[in-house]
Protein backbone atom coordinates (compact mmCIF):
# COMPACT_ATOMS: atom_id res chain seq x y z
CA UNK A 1 0.00 0.00 0.00
CA UNK A 2 2.73 2.47 0.97
CA UNK A 3 4.70 1.50 -2.13
CA UNK A 4 1.70 2.34 -4.34
CA UNK A 5 1.38 5.75 -2.72
CA UNK A 6 5.08 6.47 -3.24
CA UNK A 7 4.88 5.38 -6.89
CA UNK A 8 1.84 7.59 -7.39
CA UNK A 9 3.61 10.61 -5.85
CA UNK A 10 6.73 10.00 -7.96
CA UNK A 11 4.69 9.67 -11.16
CA UNK A 12 2.72 12.81 -10.34
CA UNK A 13 5.93 14.76 -9.78
CA UNK A 14 7.44 13.49 -13.03
CA UNK A 15 4.36 14.49 -14.99
CA UNK A 16 4.22 17.98 -13.47
CA UNK A 17 7.95 18.60 -13.74
CA UNK A 18 8.69 17.16 -17.18
CA UNK A 19 5.53 16.51 -19.21
CA UNK A 20 3.40 19.57 -18.44
CA UNK A 21 3.73 22.66 -20.61
CA UNK A 22 3.35 25.76 -18.51
CA UNK A 23 2.12 29.06 -20.00
CA UNK A 24 4.56 31.85 -20.62
CA UNK A 25 4.36 35.04 -18.59
CA UNK A 26 2.78 36.84 -21.54
CA UNK A 27 0.11 34.14 -22.01
CA UNK A 28 -0.62 34.13 -18.28
CA UNK A 29 -0.98 37.91 -18.18
CA UNK A 30 -3.29 37.87 -21.21
CA UNK A 31 -5.49 35.19 -19.64
CA UNK A 32 -5.64 37.07 -16.35
CA UNK A 33 -6.74 40.26 -18.13
CA UNK A 34 -9.46 38.36 -20.02
CA UNK A 35 -10.76 36.81 -16.79
CA UNK A 36 -10.67 40.13 -14.95
CA UNK A 37 -12.51 41.92 -17.77
CA UNK A 38 -15.17 39.22 -18.00
CA UNK A 39 -15.62 39.26 -14.22
CA UNK A 40 -16.13 43.03 -14.16
CA UNK A 41 -18.62 42.88 -17.05
CA UNK A 42 -20.62 40.10 -15.39
CA UNK A 43 -20.57 41.93 -12.04
CA UNK A 44 -21.86 45.12 -13.68
CA UNK A 45 -24.60 43.14 -15.45
CA UNK A 46 -25.70 41.49 -12.20
CA UNK A 47 -25.63 44.88 -10.44
CA UNK A 48 -27.80 46.45 -13.15
CA UNK A 49 -30.32 43.59 -13.05
CA UNK A 50 -30.44 43.78 -9.24
CA UNK A 51 -31.08 47.53 -9.32
CA UNK A 52 -33.76 47.14 -11.99
CA UNK A 53 -35.60 44.43 -10.05
CA UNK A 54 -35.22 46.44 -6.84
CA UNK A 55 -36.78 49.48 -8.48
CA UNK A 56 -39.60 47.39 -9.95
CA UNK A 57 -40.32 45.76 -6.60
CA UNK A 58 -40.36 49.13 -4.82
CA UNK A 59 -42.90 50.35 -7.37
CA UNK A 60 -45.04 47.20 -6.94
CA UNK A 61 -44.96 47.44 -3.13
CA UNK A 62 -45.86 51.13 -3.18
CA UNK A 63 -49.15 50.40 -4.96
PDB file of N, CA and C in Angstrom:
ATOM      1  N   UNK A   1       0.820  -1.194   0.000  1.00  0.00           N
ATOM      2  CA  UNK A   1       0.000   0.000   0.000  1.00  0.00           C
ATOM      3  C   UNK A   1       0.864   1.258   0.000  1.00  0.00           C
ATOM      4  N   UNK A   2       1.845   1.309   0.900  1.00  0.00           N
ATOM      5  CA  UNK A   2       2.725   2.468   0.973  1.00  0.00           C
ATOM      6  C   UNK A   2       3.535   2.599  -0.310  1.00  0.00           C
ATOM      7  N   UNK A   3       3.944   1.472  -0.882  1.00  0.00           N
ATOM      8  CA  UNK A   3       4.705   1.497  -2.130  1.00  0.00           C
ATOM      9  C   UNK A   3       3.864   2.108  -3.253  1.00  0.00           C
ATOM     10  N   UNK A   4       2.581   1.775  -3.317  1.00  0.00           N
ATOM     11  CA  UNK A   4       1.696   2.338  -4.341  1.00  0.00           C
ATOM     12  C   UNK A   4       1.559   3.844  -4.195  1.00  0.00           C
ATOM     13  N   UNK A   5       1.487   4.306  -2.958  1.00  0.00           N
ATOM     14  CA  UNK A   5       1.383   5.752  -2.719  1.00  0.00           C
ATOM     15  C   UNK A   5       2.652   6.455  -3.160  1.00  0.00           C
ATOM     16  N   UNK A   6       3.801   5.875  -2.835  1.00  0.00           N
ATOM     17  CA  UNK A   6       5.078   6.471  -3.236  1.00  0.00           C
ATOM     18  C   UNK A   6       5.225   6.496  -4.760  1.00  0.00           C
ATOM     19  N   UNK A   7       4.823   5.429  -5.427  1.00  0.00           N
ATOM     20  CA  UNK A   7       4.885   5.379  -6.892  1.00  0.00           C
ATOM     21  C   UNK A   7       3.969   6.449  -7.482  1.00  0.00           C
ATOM     22  N   UNK A   8       2.775   6.577  -6.915  1.00  0.00           N
ATOM     23  CA  UNK A   8       1.839   7.591  -7.389  1.00  0.00           C
ATOM     24  C   UNK A   8       2.432   8.997  -7.236  1.00  0.00           C
ATOM     25  N   UNK A   9       3.010   9.295  -6.093  1.00  0.00           N
ATOM     26  CA  UNK A   9       3.614  10.606  -5.848  1.00  0.00           C
ATOM     27  C   UNK A   9       4.768  10.863  -6.808  1.00  0.00           C
ATOM     28  N   UNK A  10       5.597   9.849  -7.039  1.00  0.00           N
ATOM     29  CA  UNK A  10       6.734   9.999  -7.955  1.00  0.00           C
ATOM     30  C   UNK A  10       6.235  10.249  -9.376  1.00  0.00           C
ATOM     31  N   UNK A  11       5.235   9.497  -9.820  1.00  0.00           N
ATOM     32  CA  UNK A  11       4.688   9.672 -11.164  1.00  0.00           C
ATOM     33  C   UNK A  11       4.042  11.047 -11.325  1.00  0.00           C
ATOM     34  N   UNK A  12       3.350  11.486 -10.284  1.00  0.00           N
ATOM     35  CA  UNK A  12       2.722  12.808 -10.335  1.00  0.00           C
ATOM     36  C   UNK A  12       3.770  13.900 -10.471  1.00  0.00           C
ATOM     37  N   UNK A  13       4.849  13.782  -9.691  1.00  0.00           N
ATOM     38  CA  UNK A  13       5.931  14.760  -9.782  1.00  0.00           C
ATOM     39  C   UNK A  13       6.563  14.764 -11.171  1.00  0.00           C
ATOM     40  N   UNK A  14       6.833  13.597 -11.704  1.00  0.00           N
ATOM     41  CA  UNK A  14       7.442  13.494 -13.035  1.00  0.00           C
ATOM     42  C   UNK A  14       6.565  14.145 -14.094  1.00  0.00           C
ATOM     43  N   UNK A  15       5.268  13.906 -14.002  1.00  0.00           N
ATOM     44  CA  UNK A  15       4.363  14.490 -14.987  1.00  0.00           C
ATOM     45  C   UNK A  15       4.339  16.009 -14.873  1.00  0.00           C
ATOM     46  N   UNK A  16       4.254  16.529 -13.651  1.00  0.00           N
ATOM     47  CA  UNK A  16       4.218  17.976 -13.473  1.00  0.00           C
ATOM     48  C   UNK A  16       5.540  18.642 -13.843  1.00  0.00           C
ATOM     49  N   UNK A  17       6.642  17.989 -13.528  1.00  0.00           N
ATOM     50  CA  UNK A  17       7.949  18.603 -13.744  1.00  0.00           C
ATOM     51  C   UNK A  17       8.432  18.489 -15.184  1.00  0.00           C
ATOM     52  N   UNK A  18       8.069  17.402 -15.878  1.00  0.00           N
ATOM     53  CA  UNK A  18       8.689  17.160 -17.179  1.00  0.00           C
ATOM     54  C   UNK A  18       7.717  17.049 -18.356  1.00  0.00           C
ATOM     55  N   UNK A  19       6.459  16.728 -18.100  1.00  0.00           N
ATOM     56  CA  UNK A  19       5.529  16.507 -19.206  1.00  0.00           C
ATOM     57  C   UNK A  19       4.505  17.632 -19.381  1.00  0.00           C
ATOM     58  N   UNK A  20       4.385  18.498 -18.386  1.00  0.00           N
ATOM     59  CA  UNK A  20       3.403  19.569 -18.441  1.00  0.00           C
ATOM     60  C   UNK A  20       4.012  20.788 -19.107  1.00  0.00           C
ATOM     61  N   UNK A  21       3.272  21.397 -20.021  1.00  0.00           N
ATOM     62  CA  UNK A  21       3.733  22.656 -20.615  1.00  0.00           C
ATOM     63  C   UNK A  21       3.059  23.801 -19.881  1.00  0.00           C
ATOM     64  N   UNK A  22       3.857  24.648 -19.293  1.00  0.00           N
ATOM     65  CA  UNK A  22       3.351  25.762 -18.515  1.00  0.00           C
ATOM     66  C   UNK A  22       3.241  26.992 -19.413  1.00  0.00           C
ATOM     67  N   UNK A  23       2.261  27.859 -19.170  1.00  0.00           N
ATOM     68  CA  UNK A  23       2.118  29.062 -19.997  1.00  0.00           C
ATOM     69  C   UNK A  23       3.265  30.041 -19.749  1.00  0.00           C
ATOM     70  N   UNK A  24       3.545  30.821 -20.780  1.00  0.00           N
ATOM     71  CA  UNK A  24       4.563  31.854 -20.616  1.00  0.00           C
ATOM     72  C   UNK A  24       3.965  32.995 -19.797  1.00  0.00           C
ATOM     73  N   UNK A  25       4.824  33.891 -19.369  1.00  0.00           N
ATOM     74  CA  UNK A  25       4.359  35.042 -18.587  1.00  0.00           C
ATOM     75  C   UNK A  25       3.375  35.878 -19.399  1.00  0.00           C
ATOM     76  N   UNK A  26       3.652  36.052 -20.683  1.00  0.00           N
ATOM     77  CA  UNK A  26       2.780  36.842 -21.543  1.00  0.00           C
ATOM     78  C   UNK A  26       1.403  36.181 -21.688  1.00  0.00           C
ATOM     79  N   UNK A  27       1.386  34.868 -21.892  1.00  0.00           N
ATOM     80  CA  UNK A  27       0.112  34.141 -22.005  1.00  0.00           C
ATOM     81  C   UNK A  27      -0.683  34.214 -20.698  1.00  0.00           C
ATOM     82  N   UNK A  28       0.018  34.079 -19.588  1.00  0.00           N
ATOM     83  CA  UNK A  28      -0.622  34.128 -18.279  1.00  0.00           C
ATOM     84  C   UNK A  28      -1.221  35.505 -18.016  1.00  0.00           C
ATOM     85  N   UNK A  29      -0.488  36.550 -18.356  1.00  0.00           N
ATOM     86  CA  UNK A  29      -0.981  37.915 -18.179  1.00  0.00           C
ATOM     87  C   UNK A  29      -2.202  38.166 -19.055  1.00  0.00           C
ATOM     88  N   UNK A  30      -2.165  37.700 -20.300  1.00  0.00           N
ATOM     89  CA  UNK A  30      -3.294  37.869 -21.206  1.00  0.00           C
ATOM     90  C   UNK A  30      -4.530  37.150 -20.664  1.00  0.00           C
ATOM     91  N   UNK A  31      -4.362  35.950 -20.195  1.00  0.00           N
ATOM     92  CA  UNK A  31      -5.486  35.190 -19.640  1.00  0.00           C
ATOM     93  C   UNK A  31      -6.053  35.869 -18.398  1.00  0.00           C
ATOM     94  N   UNK A  32      -5.191  36.388 -17.561  1.00  0.00           N
ATOM     95  CA  UNK A  32      -5.641  37.073 -16.350  1.00  0.00           C
ATOM     96  C   UNK A  32      -6.448  38.319 -16.698  1.00  0.00           C
ATOM     97  N   UNK A  33      -6.009  39.058 -17.707  1.00  0.00           N
ATOM     98  CA  UNK A  33      -6.736  40.258 -18.133  1.00  0.00           C
ATOM     99  C   UNK A  33      -8.103  39.883 -18.696  1.00  0.00           C
ATOM    100  N   UNK A  34      -8.175  38.814 -19.468  1.00  0.00           N
ATOM    101  CA  UNK A  34      -9.457  38.356 -20.018  1.00  0.00           C
ATOM    102  C   UNK A  34     -10.407  37.968 -18.889  1.00  0.00           C
ATOM    103  N   UNK A  35      -9.914  37.231 -17.913  1.00  0.00           N
ATOM    104  CA  UNK A  35     -10.757  36.805 -16.792  1.00  0.00           C
ATOM    105  C   UNK A  35     -11.210  38.012 -15.972  1.00  0.00           C
ATOM    106  N   UNK A  36     -10.320  38.940 -15.712  1.00  0.00           N
ATOM    107  CA  UNK A  36     -10.671  40.130 -14.947  1.00  0.00           C
ATOM    108  C   UNK A  36     -11.720  40.962 -15.674  1.00  0.00           C
ATOM    109  N   UNK A  37     -11.549  41.149 -16.975  1.00  0.00           N
ATOM    110  CA  UNK A  37     -12.506  41.915 -17.768  1.00  0.00           C
ATOM    111  C   UNK A  37     -13.871  41.234 -17.777  1.00  0.00           C
ATOM    112  N   UNK A  38     -13.898  39.940 -17.998  1.00  0.00           N
ATOM    113  CA  UNK A  38     -15.165  39.216 -17.999  1.00  0.00           C
ATOM    114  C   UNK A  38     -15.833  39.292 -16.631  1.00  0.00           C
ATOM    115  N   UNK A  39     -15.062  39.191 -15.567  1.00  0.00           N
ATOM    116  CA  UNK A  39     -15.622  39.262 -14.216  1.00  0.00           C
ATOM    117  C   UNK A  39     -16.251  40.621 -13.941  1.00  0.00           C
ATOM    118  N   UNK A  40     -15.595  41.681 -14.365  1.00  0.00           N
ATOM    119  CA  UNK A  40     -16.135  43.027 -14.156  1.00  0.00           C
ATOM    120  C   UNK A  40     -17.418  43.209 -14.967  1.00  0.00           C
ATOM    121  N   UNK A  41     -17.424  42.754 -16.214  1.00  0.00           N
ATOM    122  CA  UNK A  41     -18.616  42.882 -17.053  1.00  0.00           C
ATOM    123  C   UNK A  41     -19.789  42.116 -16.442  1.00  0.00           C
ATOM    124  N   UNK A  42     -19.551  40.897 -15.998  1.00  0.00           N
ATOM    125  CA  UNK A  42     -20.616  40.096 -15.388  1.00  0.00           C
ATOM    126  C   UNK A  42     -21.099  40.751 -14.092  1.00  0.00           C
ATOM    127  N   UNK A  43     -20.181  41.266 -13.286  1.00  0.00           N
ATOM    128  CA  UNK A  43     -20.567  41.931 -12.036  1.00  0.00           C
ATOM    129  C   UNK A  43     -21.422  43.162 -12.322  1.00  0.00           C
ATOM    130  N   UNK A  44     -21.062  43.943 -13.326  1.00  0.00           N
ATOM    131  CA  UNK A  44     -21.857  45.124 -13.683  1.00  0.00           C
ATOM    132  C   UNK A  44     -23.237  44.721 -14.186  1.00  0.00           C
ATOM    133  N   UNK A  45     -23.315  43.640 -14.952  1.00  0.00           N
ATOM    134  CA  UNK A  45     -24.597  43.145 -15.450  1.00  0.00           C
ATOM    135  C   UNK A  45     -25.490  42.707 -14.291  1.00  0.00           C
ATOM    136  N   UNK A  46     -24.930  41.944 -13.360  1.00  0.00           N
ATOM    137  CA  UNK A  46     -25.705  41.492 -12.202  1.00  0.00           C
ATOM    138  C   UNK A  46     -26.147  42.687 -11.360  1.00  0.00           C
ATOM    139  N   UNK A  47     -25.281  43.669 -11.187  1.00  0.00           N
ATOM    140  CA  UNK A  47     -25.630  44.884 -10.442  1.00  0.00           C
ATOM    141  C   UNK A  47     -26.789  45.608 -11.112  1.00  0.00           C
ATOM    142  N   UNK A  48     -26.737  45.756 -12.421  1.00  0.00           N
ATOM    143  CA  UNK A  48     -27.803  46.449 -13.148  1.00  0.00           C
ATOM    144  C   UNK A  48     -29.129  45.698 -13.030  1.00  0.00           C
ATOM    145  N   UNK A  49     -29.100  44.399 -13.180  1.00  0.00           N
ATOM    146  CA  UNK A  49     -30.318  43.595 -13.047  1.00  0.00           C
ATOM    147  C   UNK A  49     -30.874  43.713 -11.628  1.00  0.00           C
ATOM    148  N   UNK A  50     -30.012  43.665 -10.624  1.00  0.00           N
ATOM    149  CA  UNK A  50     -30.440  43.780  -9.235  1.00  0.00           C
ATOM    150  C   UNK A  50     -31.098  45.135  -8.988  1.00  0.00           C
ATOM    151  N   UNK A  51     -30.497  46.191  -9.484  1.00  0.00           N
ATOM    152  CA  UNK A  51     -31.076  47.531  -9.315  1.00  0.00           C
ATOM    153  C   UNK A  51     -32.416  47.634 -10.030  1.00  0.00           C
ATOM    154  N   UNK A  52     -32.506  47.081 -11.232  1.00  0.00           N
ATOM    155  CA  UNK A  52     -33.756  47.136 -11.986  1.00  0.00           C
ATOM    156  C   UNK A  52     -34.863  46.393 -11.236  1.00  0.00           C
ATOM    157  N   UNK A  53     -34.589  45.181 -10.793  1.00  0.00           N
ATOM    158  CA  UNK A  53     -35.600  44.428 -10.053  1.00  0.00           C
ATOM    159  C   UNK A  53     -35.943  45.113  -8.730  1.00  0.00           C
ATOM    160  N   UNK A  54     -34.958  45.703  -8.078  1.00  0.00           N
ATOM    161  CA  UNK A  54     -35.219  46.439  -6.837  1.00  0.00           C
ATOM    162  C   UNK A  54     -36.156  47.607  -7.072  1.00  0.00           C
ATOM    163  N   UNK A  55     -35.929  48.343  -8.137  1.00  0.00           N
ATOM    164  CA  UNK A  55     -36.784  49.478  -8.480  1.00  0.00           C
ATOM    165  C   UNK A  55     -38.191  49.012  -8.825  1.00  0.00           C
ATOM    166  N   UNK A  56     -38.282  47.938  -9.593  1.00  0.00           N
ATOM    167  CA  UNK A  56     -39.596  47.388  -9.954  1.00  0.00           C
ATOM    168  C   UNK A  56     -40.342  46.930  -8.707  1.00  0.00           C
ATOM    169  N   UNK A  57     -39.663  46.252  -7.810  1.00  0.00           N
ATOM    170  CA  UNK A  57     -40.319  45.760  -6.597  1.00  0.00           C
ATOM    171  C   UNK A  57     -40.746  46.912  -5.689  1.00  0.00           C
ATOM    172  N   UNK A  58     -39.949  47.972  -5.592  1.00  0.00           N
ATOM    173  CA  UNK A  58     -40.358  49.135  -4.821  1.00  0.00           C
ATOM    174  C   UNK A  58     -41.624  49.744  -5.400  1.00  0.00           C
ATOM    175  N   UNK A  59     -41.697  49.810  -6.709  1.00  0.00           N
ATOM    176  CA  UNK A  59     -42.896  50.348  -7.368  1.00  0.00           C
ATOM    177  C   UNK A  59     -44.105  49.457  -7.081  1.00  0.00           C
ATOM    178  N   UNK A  60     -43.933  48.138  -7.190  1.00  0.00           N
ATOM    179  CA  UNK A  60     -45.038  47.204  -6.943  1.00  0.00           C
ATOM    180  C   UNK A  60     -45.507  47.314  -5.484  1.00  0.00           C
ATOM    181  N   UNK A  61     -44.588  47.383  -4.538  1.00  0.00           N
ATOM    182  CA  UNK A  61     -44.962  47.445  -3.127  1.00  0.00           C
ATOM    183  C   UNK A  61     -45.598  48.779  -2.758  1.00  0.00           C
ATOM    184  N   UNK A  62     -45.279  49.819  -3.498  1.00  0.00           N
ATOM    185  CA  UNK A  62     -45.856  51.127  -3.184  1.00  0.00           C
ATOM    186  C   UNK A  62     -47.302  51.258  -3.656  1.00  0.00           C
ATOM    187  N   UNK A  63     -47.781  50.344  -4.461  1.00  0.00           N
ATOM    188  CA  UNK A  63     -49.155  50.398  -4.955  1.00  0.00           C
ATOM    189  C   UNK A  63     -50.141  50.084  -3.902  1.00  0.00           C
TER     190      UNK A  63
END
